[in-house]
PDB file of N, CA and C in Angstrom:
ATOM      1  N   MET A   1      12.351  -5.482   4.276  1.00  0.00           N
ATOM      2  CA  MET A   1      12.646  -5.895   3.585  1.00  0.00           C
ATOM      3  C   MET A   1      13.155  -7.679   3.918  1.00  0.00           C
ATOM      4  N   SER A   2      12.195  -8.172   2.744  1.00  0.00           N
ATOM      5  CA  SER A   2      12.402  -9.478   3.265  1.00  0.00           C
ATOM      6  C   SER A   2      13.481  -9.913   2.468  1.00  0.00           C
ATOM      7  N   ASP A   3      13.436 -11.375   3.139  1.00  0.00           N
ATOM      8  CA  ASP A   3      14.680 -12.050   3.315  1.00  0.00           C
ATOM      9  C   ASP A   3      14.862 -13.682   3.275  1.00  0.00           C
ATOM     10  N   GLY A   4      15.890 -14.259   2.753  1.00  0.00           N
ATOM     11  CA  GLY A   4      15.698 -15.713   3.110  1.00  0.00           C
ATOM     12  C   GLY A   4      15.535 -15.989   4.119  1.00  0.00           C
ATOM     13  N   PHE A   5      15.338 -17.361   4.334  1.00  0.00           N
ATOM     14  CA  PHE A   5      14.684 -17.941   5.551  1.00  0.00           C
ATOM     15  C   PHE A   5      15.796 -18.102   7.247  1.00  0.00           C
ATOM     16  N   GLY A   6      17.307 -17.583   6.846  1.00  0.00           N
ATOM     17  CA  GLY A   6      18.129 -17.234   7.567  1.00  0.00           C
ATOM     18  C   GLY A   6      18.184 -18.415   8.829  1.00  0.00           C
ATOM     19  N   PRO A   7      18.056 -17.656  10.160  1.00  0.00           N
ATOM     20  CA  PRO A   7      18.259 -19.492  11.067  1.00  0.00           C
ATOM     21  C   PRO A   7      16.932 -19.850  11.199  1.00  0.00           C
ATOM     22  N   PHE A   8      16.005 -19.031  11.090  1.00  0.00           N
ATOM     23  CA  PHE A   8      14.694 -19.619  11.609  1.00  0.00           C
ATOM     24  C   PHE A   8      14.505 -21.342  11.660  1.00  0.00           C
ATOM     25  N   GLY A   9      14.246 -21.894  12.053  1.00  0.00           N
ATOM     26  CA  GLY A   9      13.186 -23.301  11.387  1.00  0.00           C
ATOM     27  C   GLY A   9      14.476 -24.328  12.591  1.00  0.00           C
ATOM     28  N   ARG A  10      14.946 -23.750  13.277  1.00  0.00           N
ATOM     29  CA  ARG A  10      16.256 -24.261  14.262  1.00  0.00           C
ATOM     30  C   ARG A  10      15.564 -24.428  15.842  1.00  0.00           C
ATOM     31  N   GLY A  11      14.409 -25.020  15.560  1.00  0.00           N
ATOM     32  CA  GLY A  11      14.146 -24.559  17.197  1.00  0.00           C
ATOM     33  C   GLY A  11      13.711 -23.208  17.855  1.00  0.00           C
ATOM     34  N   SER A  12      12.573 -23.350  18.098  1.00  0.00           N
ATOM     35  CA  SER A  12      11.679 -22.002  19.086  1.00  0.00           C
ATOM     36  C   SER A  12      13.617 -21.217  19.653  1.00  0.00           C
ATOM     37  N   PRO A  13      13.303 -20.093  19.545  1.00  0.00           N
ATOM     38  CA  PRO A  13      13.980 -19.086  20.551  1.00  0.00           C
ATOM     39  C   PRO A  13      13.413 -19.010  21.989  1.00  0.00           C
ATOM     40  N   PRO A  14      13.974 -18.971  22.847  1.00  0.00           N
ATOM     41  CA  PRO A  14      14.025 -18.635  24.039  1.00  0.00           C
ATOM     42  C   PRO A  14      13.121 -17.542  24.414  1.00  0.00           C
ATOM     43  N   VAL A  15      11.966 -17.109  25.334  1.00  0.00           N
ATOM     44  CA  VAL A  15      10.732 -16.555  25.030  1.00  0.00           C
ATOM     45  C   VAL A  15      11.594 -14.917  26.209  1.00  0.00           C
ATOM     46  N   ARG A  16      12.087 -14.395  25.473  1.00  0.00           N
ATOM     47  CA  ARG A  16      12.606 -12.901  25.944  1.00  0.00           C
ATOM     48  C   ARG A  16      12.985 -12.137  25.018  1.00  0.00           C
ATOM     49  N   ALA A  17      12.993 -10.868  25.617  1.00  0.00           N
ATOM     50  CA  ALA A  17      12.913  -9.795  25.214  1.00  0.00           C
ATOM     51  C   ALA A  17      13.885  -9.120  25.161  1.00  0.00           C
ATOM     52  N   SER A  18      14.834  -9.478  25.625  1.00  0.00           N
ATOM     53  CA  SER A  18      16.514  -8.958  25.815  1.00  0.00           C
ATOM     54  C   SER A  18      17.654  -9.731  25.696  1.00  0.00           C
ATOM     55  N   ILE A  19      18.071  -9.604  25.160  1.00  0.00           N
ATOM     56  CA  ILE A  19      19.405 -10.507  24.837  1.00  0.00           C
ATOM     57  C   ILE A  19      21.118  -9.578  25.067  1.00  0.00           C
ATOM     58  N   GLY A  20      20.718  -8.513  26.015  1.00  0.00           N
ATOM     59  CA  GLY A  20      21.573  -7.410  26.101  1.00  0.00           C
ATOM     60  C   GLY A  20      21.024  -6.093  26.288  1.00  0.00           C
ATOM     61  N   ASN A  21      22.319  -5.311  25.636  1.00  0.00           N
ATOM     62  CA  ASN A  21      21.787  -3.990  25.302  1.00  0.00           C
ATOM     63  C   ASN A  21      22.211  -2.961  24.722  1.00  0.00           C
ATOM     64  N   GLY A  22      22.193  -1.675  24.199  1.00  0.00           N
ATOM     65  CA  GLY A  22      22.689  -1.436  23.345  1.00  0.00           C
ATOM     66  C   GLY A  22      21.635  -0.582  21.821  1.00  0.00           C
ATOM     67  N   HIS A  23      20.761  -1.204  21.946  1.00  0.00           N
ATOM     68  CA  HIS A  23      19.635  -1.267  21.159  1.00  0.00           C
ATOM     69  C   HIS A  23      18.528  -1.838  20.773  1.00  0.00           C
ATOM     70  N   VAL A  24      17.362  -0.645  21.441  1.00  0.00           N
ATOM     71  CA  VAL A  24      15.579  -1.058  21.607  1.00  0.00           C
ATOM     72  C   VAL A  24      15.317  -1.267  19.733  1.00  0.00           C
ATOM     73  N   VAL A  25      14.669  -2.316  20.066  1.00  0.00           N
ATOM     74  CA  VAL A  25      13.741  -2.061  18.545  1.00  0.00           C
ATOM     75  C   VAL A  25      12.293  -2.400  19.027  1.00  0.00           C
ATOM     76  N   THR A  26      11.118  -1.484  18.550  1.00  0.00           N
ATOM     77  CA  THR A  26       9.808  -1.742  19.000  1.00  0.00           C
ATOM     78  C   THR A  26       9.003  -1.423  17.588  1.00  0.00           C
ATOM     79  N   GLY A  27       7.998  -2.032  17.739  1.00  0.00           N
ATOM     80  CA  GLY A  27       7.200  -2.593  16.384  1.00  0.00           C
ATOM     81  C   GLY A  27       5.759  -2.530  16.950  1.00  0.00           C
ATOM     82  N   VAL A  28       4.954  -2.824  15.945  1.00  0.00           N
ATOM     83  CA  VAL A  28       3.457  -3.448  15.841  1.00  0.00           C
ATOM     84  C   VAL A  28       2.939  -4.205  14.367  1.00  0.00           C
ATOM     85  N   VAL A  29       2.333  -5.279  15.103  1.00  0.00           N
ATOM     86  CA  VAL A  29       2.291  -6.361  13.918  1.00  0.00           C
ATOM     87  C   VAL A  29       0.835  -6.160  13.965  1.00  0.00           C
ATOM     88  N   LEU A  30       0.147  -5.886  12.616  1.00  0.00           N
ATOM     89  CA  LEU A  30      -0.515  -5.578  12.209  1.00  0.00           C
ATOM     90  C   LEU A  30      -1.511  -6.210  11.049  1.00  0.00           C
ATOM     91  N   SER A  31      -2.977  -6.752  10.394  1.00  0.00           N
ATOM     92  CA  SER A  31      -3.793  -7.281   9.665  1.00  0.00           C
ATOM     93  C   SER A  31      -3.640  -6.256   8.692  1.00  0.00           C
ATOM     94  N   SER A  32      -3.290  -6.765   7.772  1.00  0.00           N
ATOM     95  CA  SER A  32      -3.837  -6.080   6.046  1.00  0.00           C
ATOM     96  C   SER A  32      -5.188  -5.982   5.640  1.00  0.00           C
ATOM     97  N   LEU A  33      -6.010  -6.975   6.405  1.00  0.00           N
ATOM     98  CA  LEU A  33      -7.203  -7.208   6.138  1.00  0.00           C
ATOM     99  C   LEU A  33      -7.871  -5.199   6.328  1.00  0.00           C
ATOM    100  N   ASP A  34      -7.607  -5.017   8.016  1.00  0.00           N
ATOM    101  CA  ASP A  34      -8.198  -4.372   8.816  1.00  0.00           C
ATOM    102  C   ASP A  34      -7.641  -3.116   8.990  1.00  0.00           C
ATOM    103  N   CYS A  35      -6.269  -3.551   9.155  1.00  0.00           N
ATOM    104  CA  CYS A  35      -5.451  -2.332   9.421  1.00  0.00           C
ATOM    105  C   CYS A  35      -5.231  -2.728  10.909  1.00  0.00           C
ATOM    106  N   GLY A  36      -6.292  -3.468  11.729  1.00  0.00           N
ATOM    107  CA  GLY A  36      -5.782  -3.907  12.795  1.00  0.00           C
ATOM    108  C   GLY A  36      -4.743  -4.496  14.121  1.00  0.00           C
ATOM    109  N   PRO A  37      -4.238  -4.269  14.689  1.00  0.00           N
ATOM    110  CA  PRO A  37      -3.560  -5.242  15.654  1.00  0.00           C
ATOM    111  C   PRO A  37      -3.534  -6.790  15.851  1.00  0.00           C
ATOM    112  N   ILE A  38      -2.592  -7.668  15.525  1.00  0.00           N
ATOM    113  CA  ILE A  38      -2.530  -8.527  15.932  1.00  0.00           C
ATOM    114  C   ILE A  38      -2.080  -8.980  17.246  1.00  0.00           C
ATOM    115  N   ARG A  39      -2.859 -10.139  17.808  1.00  0.00           N
ATOM    116  CA  ARG A  39      -2.065 -10.099  19.452  1.00  0.00           C
ATOM    117  C   ARG A  39      -2.345 -11.479  19.225  1.00  0.00           C
ATOM    118  N   GLY A  40      -1.271 -11.522  19.488  1.00  0.00           N
ATOM    119  CA  GLY A  40      -0.182 -13.261  20.028  1.00  0.00           C
ATOM    120  C   GLY A  40       0.379 -13.633  19.228  1.00  0.00           C
ATOM    121  N   ALA A  41       0.975 -12.444  18.547  1.00  0.00           N
ATOM    122  CA  ALA A  41       1.838 -12.709  17.378  1.00  0.00           C
ATOM    123  C   ALA A  41       2.602 -13.403  17.800  1.00  0.00           C
ATOM    124  N   ARG A  42       3.901 -13.981  17.500  1.00  0.00           N
ATOM    125  CA  ARG A  42       5.027 -14.369  17.710  1.00  0.00           C
ATOM    126  C   ARG A  42       6.139 -14.124  16.983  1.00  0.00           C
ATOM    127  N   VAL A  43       7.061 -12.629  17.725  1.00  0.00           N
ATOM    128  CA  VAL A  43       7.797 -12.187  17.250  1.00  0.00           C
ATOM    129  C   VAL A  43       9.294 -12.601  17.234  1.00  0.00           C
ATOM    130  N   GLU A  44      10.009 -13.626  15.922  1.00  0.00           N
ATOM    131  CA  GLU A  44      11.283 -14.091  16.635  1.00  0.00           C
ATOM    132  C   GLU A  44      12.334 -13.455  15.987  1.00  0.00           C
ATOM    133  N   LEU A  45      13.022 -12.781  16.823  1.00  0.00           N
ATOM    134  CA  LEU A  45      14.355 -11.829  16.584  1.00  0.00           C
ATOM    135  C   LEU A  45      15.467 -13.001  16.402  1.00  0.00           C
ATOM    136  N   TRP A  46      16.165 -12.502  15.376  1.00  0.00           N
ATOM    137  CA  TRP A  46      17.717 -13.042  15.574  1.00  0.00           C
ATOM    138  C   TRP A  46      18.849 -12.305  15.058  1.00  0.00           C
ATOM    139  N   GLN A  47      19.834 -12.074  15.907  1.00  0.00           N
ATOM    140  CA  GLN A  47      21.117 -11.312  14.931  1.00  0.00           C
ATOM    141  C   GLN A  47      22.602 -11.938  15.633  1.00  0.00           C
ATOM    142  N   SER A  48      23.265 -10.942  14.520  1.00  0.00           N
ATOM    143  CA  SER A  48      24.560 -11.536  14.664  1.00  0.00           C
ATOM    144  C   SER A  48      25.294 -11.071  16.279  1.00  0.00           C
ATOM    145  N   ASP A  49      26.527 -11.603  16.959  1.00  0.00           N
ATOM    146  CA  ASP A  49      26.433 -11.098  17.719  1.00  0.00           C
ATOM    147  C   ASP A  49      28.010  -9.944  17.522  1.00  0.00           C
ATOM    148  N   ALA A  50      28.093  -8.909  18.652  1.00  0.00           N
ATOM    149  CA  ALA A  50      29.416  -8.010  18.651  1.00  0.00           C
ATOM    150  C   ALA A  50      29.874  -8.386  17.868  1.00  0.00           C
ATOM    151  N   LYS A  51      30.883  -9.391  17.475  1.00  0.00           N
ATOM    152  CA  LYS A  51      31.878  -9.704  16.607  1.00  0.00           C
ATOM    153  C   LYS A  51      31.396 -10.149  15.176  1.00  0.00           C
ATOM    154  N   GLY A  52      30.749 -10.284  15.029  1.00  0.00           N
ATOM    155  CA  GLY A  52      29.854 -10.949  13.499  1.00  0.00           C
ATOM    156  C   GLY A  52      29.565 -12.316  13.717  1.00  0.00           C
ATOM    157  N   SER A  53      29.646 -13.442  14.748  1.00  0.00           N
ATOM    158  CA  SER A  53      29.215 -14.382  15.008  1.00  0.00           C
ATOM    159  C   SER A  53      27.777 -14.329  15.144  1.00  0.00           C
ATOM    160  N   ARG A  54      27.623 -15.608  13.755  1.00  0.00           N
ATOM    161  CA  ARG A  54      26.203 -15.818  13.670  1.00  0.00           C
ATOM    162  C   ARG A  54      26.036 -17.286  14.276  1.00  0.00           C
ATOM    163  N   MET A  55      26.519 -17.701  15.784  1.00  0.00           N
ATOM    164  CA  MET A  55      26.184 -18.934  16.605  1.00  0.00           C
ATOM    165  C   MET A  55      24.780 -19.123  16.333  1.00  0.00           C
ATOM    166  N   GLN A  56      24.366 -20.204  16.486  1.00  0.00           N
ATOM    167  CA  GLN A  56      23.169 -20.991  16.762  1.00  0.00           C
ATOM    168  C   GLN A  56      22.453 -20.843  17.721  1.00  0.00           C
ATOM    169  N   LYS A  57      23.218 -20.534  19.115  1.00  0.00           N
ATOM    170  CA  LYS A  57      22.374 -20.977  20.394  1.00  0.00           C
ATOM    171  C   LYS A  57      21.821 -20.135  20.562  1.00  0.00           C
ATOM    172  N   GLY A  58      21.386 -19.642  21.513  1.00  0.00           N
ATOM    173  CA  GLY A  58      20.040 -19.246  21.724  1.00  0.00           C
ATOM    174  C   GLY A  58      20.547 -17.363  22.336  1.00  0.00           C
ATOM    175  N   ALA A  59      22.451 -17.129  22.679  1.00  0.00           N
ATOM    176  CA  ALA A  59      22.445 -16.056  22.860  1.00  0.00           C
ATOM    177  C   ALA A  59      22.071 -15.168  21.944  1.00  0.00           C
ATOM    178  N   THR A  60      21.815 -15.115  20.275  1.00  0.00           N
ATOM    179  CA  THR A  60      22.019 -14.085  20.423  1.00  0.00           C
ATOM    180  C   THR A  60      19.871 -14.146  19.038  1.00  0.00           C
ATOM    181  N   ARG A  61      19.462 -14.880  20.133  1.00  0.00           N
ATOM    182  CA  ARG A  61      18.187 -15.182  19.349  1.00  0.00           C
ATOM    183  C   ARG A  61      16.795 -15.081  20.644  1.00  0.00           C
ATOM    184  N   GLY A  62      15.663 -14.670  20.547  1.00  0.00           N
ATOM    185  CA  GLY A  62      14.558 -13.941  21.368  1.00  0.00           C
ATOM    186  C   GLY A  62      13.284 -14.097  20.466  1.00  0.00           C
ATOM    187  N   LEU A  63      12.624 -14.336  21.580  1.00  0.00           N
ATOM    188  CA  LEU A  63      10.875 -14.255  21.248  1.00  0.00           C
ATOM    189  C   LEU A  63       9.972 -13.309  22.425  1.00  0.00           C
ATOM    190  N   SER A  64       9.443 -12.569  21.565  1.00  0.00           N
ATOM    191  CA  SER A  64       8.805 -11.577  22.220  1.00  0.00           C
ATOM    192  C   SER A  64       7.383 -11.708  21.364  1.00  0.00           C
ATOM    193  N   ALA A  65       6.178 -11.838  22.383  1.00  0.00           N
ATOM    194  CA  ALA A  65       5.137 -12.083  21.845  1.00  0.00           C
ATOM    195  C   ALA A  65       3.486 -10.775  21.828  1.00  0.00           C
ATOM    196  N   THR A  66       3.365 -10.230  20.996  1.00  0.00           N
ATOM    197  CA  THR A  66       2.298  -9.337  21.137  1.00  0.00           C
ATOM    198  C   THR A  66       1.057 -10.214  22.006  1.00  0.00           C
ATOM    199  N   SER A  67       0.701  -9.380  22.611  1.00  0.00           N
ATOM    200  CA  SER A  67      -0.234  -9.895  24.034  1.00  0.00           C
ATOM    201  C   SER A  67      -1.296  -8.821  24.513  1.00  0.00           C
ATOM    202  N   ALA A  68      -1.454  -9.310  25.736  1.00  0.00           N
ATOM    203  CA  ALA A  68      -2.637  -8.225  26.524  1.00  0.00           C
ATOM    204  C   ALA A  68      -1.189  -7.174  27.373  1.00  0.00           C
ATOM    205  N   HIS A  69      -0.265  -7.863  27.531  1.00  0.00           N
ATOM    206  CA  HIS A  69       0.411  -7.114  28.355  1.00  0.00           C
ATOM    207  C   HIS A  69       1.448  -5.843  27.182  1.00  0.00           C
ATOM    208  N   ARG A  70       1.573  -6.465  25.584  1.00  0.00           N
ATOM    209  CA  ARG A  70       1.619  -5.221  24.861  1.00  0.00           C
ATOM    210  C   ARG A  70       0.306  -4.735  23.744  1.00  0.00           C
ATOM    211  N   PRO A  71      -0.012  -3.499  24.041  1.00  0.00           N
ATOM    212  CA  PRO A  71      -1.587  -3.731  23.758  1.00  0.00           C
ATOM    213  C   PRO A  71      -1.273  -2.986  22.239  1.00  0.00           C
ATOM    214  N   ASN A  72      -2.904  -3.106  21.372  1.00  0.00           N
ATOM    215  CA  ASN A  72      -2.292  -2.463  19.656  1.00  0.00           C
ATOM    216  C   ASN A  72      -1.434  -3.186  19.153  1.00  0.00           C
ATOM    217  N   GLY A  73      -0.980  -4.784  19.465  1.00  0.00           N
ATOM    218  CA  GLY A  73      -0.201  -5.541  18.676  1.00  0.00           C
ATOM    219  C   GLY A  73       1.392  -5.400  18.697  1.00  0.00           C
ATOM    220  N   ARG A  74       1.278  -4.772  20.085  1.00  0.00           N
ATOM    221  CA  ARG A  74       3.441  -4.470  19.899  1.00  0.00           C
ATOM    222  C   ARG A  74       4.149  -5.146  20.465  1.00  0.00           C
ATOM    223  N   PHE A  75       5.506  -4.883  20.201  1.00  0.00           N
ATOM    224  CA  PHE A  75       6.081  -5.353  20.755  1.00  0.00           C
ATOM    225  C   PHE A  75       7.508  -5.097  21.091  1.00  0.00           C
ATOM    226  N   ARG A  76       8.178  -5.469  21.949  1.00  0.00           N
ATOM    227  CA  ARG A  76       9.574  -4.822  21.907  1.00  0.00           C
ATOM    228  C   ARG A  76      10.965  -5.794  22.258  1.00  0.00           C
ATOM    229  N   PHE A  77      12.197  -5.520  21.675  1.00  0.00           N
ATOM    230  CA  PHE A  77      13.101  -6.397  22.091  1.00  0.00           C
ATOM    231  C   PHE A  77      14.187  -5.658  22.107  1.00  0.00           C
ATOM    232  N   GLU A  78      15.517  -6.159  22.907  1.00  0.00           N
ATOM    233  CA  GLU A  78      16.644  -5.391  23.092  1.00  0.00           C
ATOM    234  C   GLU A  78      17.892  -6.142  23.337  1.00  0.00           C
ATOM    235  N   GLY A  79      18.345  -5.460  22.486  1.00  0.00           N
ATOM    236  CA  GLY A  79      20.235  -6.204  22.308  1.00  0.00           C
ATOM    237  C   GLY A  79      21.126  -5.216  22.185  1.00  0.00           C
ATOM    238  N   PRO A  80      22.204  -6.201  21.885  1.00  0.00           N
ATOM    239  CA  PRO A  80      23.614  -5.192  21.035  1.00  0.00           C
ATOM    240  C   PRO A  80      23.390  -4.719  19.929  1.00  0.00           C
ATOM    241  N   TYR A  81      23.667  -3.562  19.703  1.00  0.00           N
ATOM    242  CA  TYR A  81      23.571  -2.713  18.432  1.00  0.00           C
ATOM    243  C   TYR A  81      24.275  -4.210  17.029  1.00  0.00           C
ATOM    244  N   PRO A  82      23.705  -4.899  16.398  1.00  0.00           N
ATOM    245  CA  PRO A  82      23.797  -5.964  15.891  1.00  0.00           C
ATOM    246  C   PRO A  82      25.139  -5.063  14.523  1.00  0.00           C
ATOM    247  N   SER A  83      25.950  -6.628  14.658  1.00  0.00           N
ATOM    248  CA  SER A  83      27.712  -6.185  13.637  1.00  0.00           C
ATOM    249  C   SER A  83      27.218  -6.774  12.132  1.00  0.00           C
ATOM    250  N   SER A  84      28.032  -6.297  11.434  1.00  0.00           N
ATOM    251  CA  SER A  84      27.453  -6.764  10.408  1.00  0.00           C
ATOM    252  C   SER A  84      28.535  -8.125  10.049  1.00  0.00           C
ATOM    253  N   TYR A  85      28.068  -9.030   9.116  1.00  0.00           N
ATOM    254  CA  TYR A  85      29.252  -9.859   8.738  1.00  0.00           C
ATOM    255  C   TYR A  85      28.978 -10.395   6.879  1.00  0.00           C
ATOM    256  N   GLU A  86      29.876 -11.077   6.495  1.00  0.00           N
ATOM    257  CA  GLU A  86      29.811 -11.258   5.034  1.00  0.00           C
ATOM    258  C   GLU A  86      29.880 -10.132   4.094  1.00  0.00           C
ATOM    259  N   GLY A  87      30.355  -8.801   4.672  1.00  0.00           N
ATOM    260  CA  GLY A  87      29.489  -7.571   4.090  1.00  0.00           C
ATOM    261  C   GLY A  87      28.378  -7.048   3.917  1.00  0.00           C
ATOM    262  N   ARG A  88      27.272  -7.917   4.730  1.00  0.00           N
ATOM    263  CA  ARG A  88      26.338  -7.037   4.688  1.00  0.00           C
ATOM    264  C   ARG A  88      26.116  -6.264   6.030  1.00  0.00           C
ATOM    265  N   LEU A  89      24.964  -5.481   5.974  1.00  0.00           N
ATOM    266  CA  LEU A  89      24.436  -3.896   6.484  1.00  0.00           C
ATOM    267  C   LEU A  89      23.826  -4.921   8.040  1.00  0.00           C
ATOM    268  N   PRO A  90      24.857  -4.316   8.695  1.00  0.00           N
ATOM    269  CA  PRO A  90      23.781  -4.763  10.697  1.00  0.00           C
ATOM    270  C   PRO A  90      23.061  -5.175  10.339  1.00  0.00           C
ATOM    271  N   HIS A  91      22.364  -6.385  10.683  1.00  0.00           N
ATOM    272  CA  HIS A  91      20.681  -5.859  10.701  1.00  0.00           C
ATOM    273  C   HIS A  91      19.869  -6.721  11.746  1.00  0.00           C
ATOM    274  N   ILE A  92      18.999  -7.167  12.016  1.00  0.00           N
ATOM    275  CA  ILE A  92      18.104  -7.770  12.580  1.00  0.00           C
ATOM    276  C   ILE A  92      16.909  -8.872  12.100  1.00  0.00           C
ATOM    277  N   ARG A  93      16.815 -10.060  12.280  1.00  0.00           N
ATOM    278  CA  ARG A  93      15.804 -10.727  11.700  1.00  0.00           C
ATOM    279  C   ARG A  93      15.002 -11.262  11.917  1.00  0.00           C
ATOM    280  N   LEU A  94      13.702 -10.898  11.484  1.00  0.00           N
ATOM    281  CA  LEU A  94      12.373 -10.929  12.231  1.00  0.00           C
ATOM    282  C   LEU A  94      11.787 -11.938  11.648  1.00  0.00           C
ATOM    283  N   ARG A  95      10.898 -12.779  12.158  1.00  0.00           N
ATOM    284  CA  ARG A  95      10.055 -13.974  11.646  1.00  0.00           C
ATOM    285  C   ARG A  95       8.544 -13.936  12.412  1.00  0.00           C
ATOM    286  N   VAL A  96       7.562 -13.506  12.197  1.00  0.00           N
ATOM    287  CA  VAL A  96       6.245 -12.913  13.036  1.00  0.00           C
ATOM    288  C   VAL A  96       5.347 -14.260  12.467  1.00  0.00           C
ATOM    289  N   VAL A  97       5.064 -15.104  13.123  1.00  0.00           N
ATOM    290  CA  VAL A  97       4.194 -16.212  13.147  1.00  0.00           C
ATOM    291  C   VAL A  97       2.926 -15.257  14.348  1.00  0.00           C
ATOM    292  N   ALA A  98       1.835 -16.037  12.928  1.00  0.00           N
ATOM    293  CA  ALA A  98       0.519 -15.633  13.853  1.00  0.00           C
ATOM    294  C   ALA A  98      -0.627 -16.770  12.953  1.00  0.00           C
ATOM    295  N   SER A  99      -1.340 -16.943  13.836  1.00  0.00           N
ATOM    296  CA  SER A  99      -2.990 -17.479  13.308  1.00  0.00           C
ATOM    297  C   SER A  99      -3.253 -17.199  11.548  1.00  0.00           C
ATOM    298  N   GLY A 100      -2.742 -17.723  10.811  1.00  0.00           N
ATOM    299  CA  GLY A 100      -2.756 -17.828   9.167  1.00  0.00           C
ATOM    300  C   GLY A 100      -2.445 -16.332   8.688  1.00  0.00           C
ATOM    301  N   HIS A 101      -1.139 -16.440   8.676  1.00  0.00           N
ATOM    302  CA  HIS A 101      -0.176 -15.217   8.481  1.00  0.00           C
ATOM    303  C   HIS A 101       0.742 -15.705   9.007  1.00  0.00           C
ATOM    304  N   GLN A 102       1.887 -15.213   7.749  1.00  0.00           N
ATOM    305  CA  GLN A 102       3.336 -15.325   8.069  1.00  0.00           C
ATOM    306  C   GLN A 102       4.375 -13.929   7.448  1.00  0.00           C
ATOM    307  N   ILE A 103       5.416 -13.639   8.210  1.00  0.00           N
ATOM    308  CA  ILE A 103       6.008 -12.838   7.182  1.00  0.00           C
ATOM    309  C   ILE A 103       7.488 -13.001   8.123  1.00  0.00           C
ATOM    310  N   LEU A 104       8.874 -13.004   7.114  1.00  0.00           N
ATOM    311  CA  LEU A 104       9.890 -12.712   7.156  1.00  0.00           C
ATOM    312  C   LEU A 104      10.309 -11.960   6.809  1.00  0.00           C
ATOM    313  N   SER A 105      11.255 -10.999   7.579  1.00  0.00           N
ATOM    314  CA  SER A 105      11.769  -9.514   7.435  1.00  0.00           C
ATOM    315  C   SER A 105      12.797  -9.710   7.685  1.00  0.00           C
ATOM    316  N   ARG A 106      13.951  -8.239   7.559  1.00  0.00           N
ATOM    317  CA  ARG A 106      14.709  -8.003   8.068  1.00  0.00           C
ATOM    318  C   ARG A 106      14.858  -6.017   8.335  1.00  0.00           C
ATOM    319  N   TYR A 107      15.337  -6.015  10.230  1.00  0.00           N
ATOM    320  CA  TYR A 107      15.446  -4.557   9.792  1.00  0.00           C
ATOM    321  C   TYR A 107      16.634  -4.665   9.896  1.00  0.00           C
ATOM    322  N   GLU A 108      17.202  -2.972   9.078  1.00  0.00           N
ATOM    323  CA  GLU A 108      18.429  -2.800   9.593  1.00  0.00           C
ATOM    324  C   GLU A 108      18.700  -0.918  10.159  1.00  0.00           C
ATOM    325  N   PRO A 109      18.708  -1.112  11.517  1.00  0.00           N
ATOM    326  CA  PRO A 109      18.837   0.124  12.473  1.00  0.00           C
ATOM    327  C   PRO A 109      19.564   1.465  11.340  1.00  0.00           C
ATOM    328  N   ALA A 110      19.766   2.535  12.000  1.00  0.00           N
ATOM    329  CA  ALA A 110      20.413   3.276  11.195  1.00  0.00           C
ATOM    330  C   ALA A 110      21.593   3.125  11.864  1.00  0.00           C
ATOM    331  N   ARG A 111      22.568   3.543  11.451  1.00  0.00           N
ATOM    332  CA  ARG A 111      24.047   3.702  11.299  1.00  0.00           C
ATOM    333  C   ARG A 111      24.769   4.515  13.028  1.00  0.00           C
ATOM    334  N   GLY A 112      24.466   3.307  14.229  1.00  0.00           N
ATOM    335  CA  GLY A 112      24.927   3.799  16.091  1.00  0.00           C
ATOM    336  C   GLY A 112      23.190   4.021  16.537  1.00  0.00           C
ATOM    337  N   ALA A 113      22.490   4.020  15.818  1.00  0.00           N
ATOM    338  CA  ALA A 113      20.878   4.351  16.383  1.00  0.00           C
ATOM    339  C   ALA A 113      20.893   3.386  17.785  1.00  0.00           C
ATOM    340  N   ARG A 114      20.612   4.067  18.780  1.00  0.00           N
ATOM    341  CA  ARG A 114      20.113   3.435  20.276  1.00  0.00           C
ATOM    342  C   ARG A 114      18.403   2.568  20.020  1.00  0.00           C
ATOM    343  N   ARG A 115      17.866   3.235  19.032  1.00  0.00           N
ATOM    344  CA  ARG A 115      16.105   2.818  19.082  1.00  0.00           C
ATOM    345  C   ARG A 115      16.170   2.713  17.777  1.00  0.00           C
ATOM    346  N   GLY A 116      14.970   1.987  17.671  1.00  0.00           N
ATOM    347  CA  GLY A 116      14.148   1.902  16.444  1.00  0.00           C
ATOM    348  C   GLY A 116      13.104   1.351  16.361  1.00  0.00           C
ATOM    349  N   SER A 117      12.058   1.638  15.084  1.00  0.00           N
ATOM    350  CA  SER A 117      10.860   1.038  15.193  1.00  0.00           C
ATOM    351  C   SER A 117      10.069   0.544  13.781  1.00  0.00           C
ATOM    352  N   ILE A 118       9.901  -0.171  13.694  1.00  0.00           N
ATOM    353  CA  ILE A 118       9.134  -1.303  12.386  1.00  0.00           C
ATOM    354  C   ILE A 118       7.776  -1.685  12.619  1.00  0.00           C
ATOM    355  N   ARG A 119       6.713  -1.545  11.396  1.00  0.00           N
ATOM    356  CA  ARG A 119       5.489  -1.640  11.874  1.00  0.00           C
ATOM    357  C   ARG A 119       5.553  -3.082  10.461  1.00  0.00           C
ATOM    358  N   LEU A 120       5.023  -3.714  11.139  1.00  0.00           N
ATOM    359  CA  LEU A 120       4.865  -4.967  10.004  1.00  0.00           C
ATOM    360  C   LEU A 120       3.898  -5.097   9.854  1.00  0.00           C
ATOM    361  N   VAL A 121       2.886  -5.454   8.643  1.00  0.00           N
ATOM    362  CA  VAL A 121       1.743  -5.607   8.460  1.00  0.00           C
ATOM    363  C   VAL A 121       1.579  -6.826   7.434  1.00  0.00           C
ATOM    364  N   LEU A 122       0.549  -8.104   8.013  1.00  0.00           N
ATOM    365  CA  LEU A 122       0.719  -9.651   7.812  1.00  0.00           C
ATOM    366  C   LEU A 122      -0.808  -9.800   6.644  1.00  0.00           C
ATOM    367  N   VAL A 123      -0.657 -10.657   5.574  1.00  0.00           N
ATOM    368  CA  VAL A 123      -1.408 -10.374   4.569  1.00  0.00           C
ATOM    369  C   VAL A 123      -2.016 -12.038   4.830  1.00  0.00           C
ATOM    370  N   PRO A 124      -2.942 -12.724   4.857  1.00  0.00           N
ATOM    371  CA  PRO A 124      -3.469 -13.099   5.309  1.00  0.00           C
ATOM    372  C   PRO A 124      -2.949 -14.566   4.296  1.00  0.00           C
ATOM    373  N   GLN A 125      -2.294 -15.946   4.782  1.00  0.00           N
ATOM    374  CA  GLN A 125      -2.033 -17.003   4.266  1.00  0.00           C
ATOM    375  C   GLN A 125      -3.287 -18.025   3.152  1.00  0.00           C
ATOM    376  N   VAL A 126      -3.236 -17.775   1.939  1.00  0.00           N
ATOM    377  CA  VAL A 126      -4.640 -18.386   1.633  1.00  0.00           C
ATOM    378  C   VAL A 126      -4.530 -19.821   1.462  1.00  0.00           C
TER     379      VAL A 126
END
């Protein structure tokens, strides 16, 4: 689901694939041109904390890059199950930045799920 710009643009999040435990989201970043994996994409993630706070400090943000140690354009991120805030469903915001591509999205895990998966297909910028 596409979403507003959210918390991004306030500096780079720390490079880390975990901000806690309780929910793991895995995914793959693909190109719409050939459905091939995009290596080296920056997958920036942000979520509210367990109390619904959307603090801007690094505690609720992380960055996972697709690279040689994550073959086939894959990424993994772990954190607490996201909480709802301001009447919104629990979600994790994602911004994927890759050379010539960019996508902003939102992942909504199934209620109480401990794991989830997302496929992000990037369209080249013209």
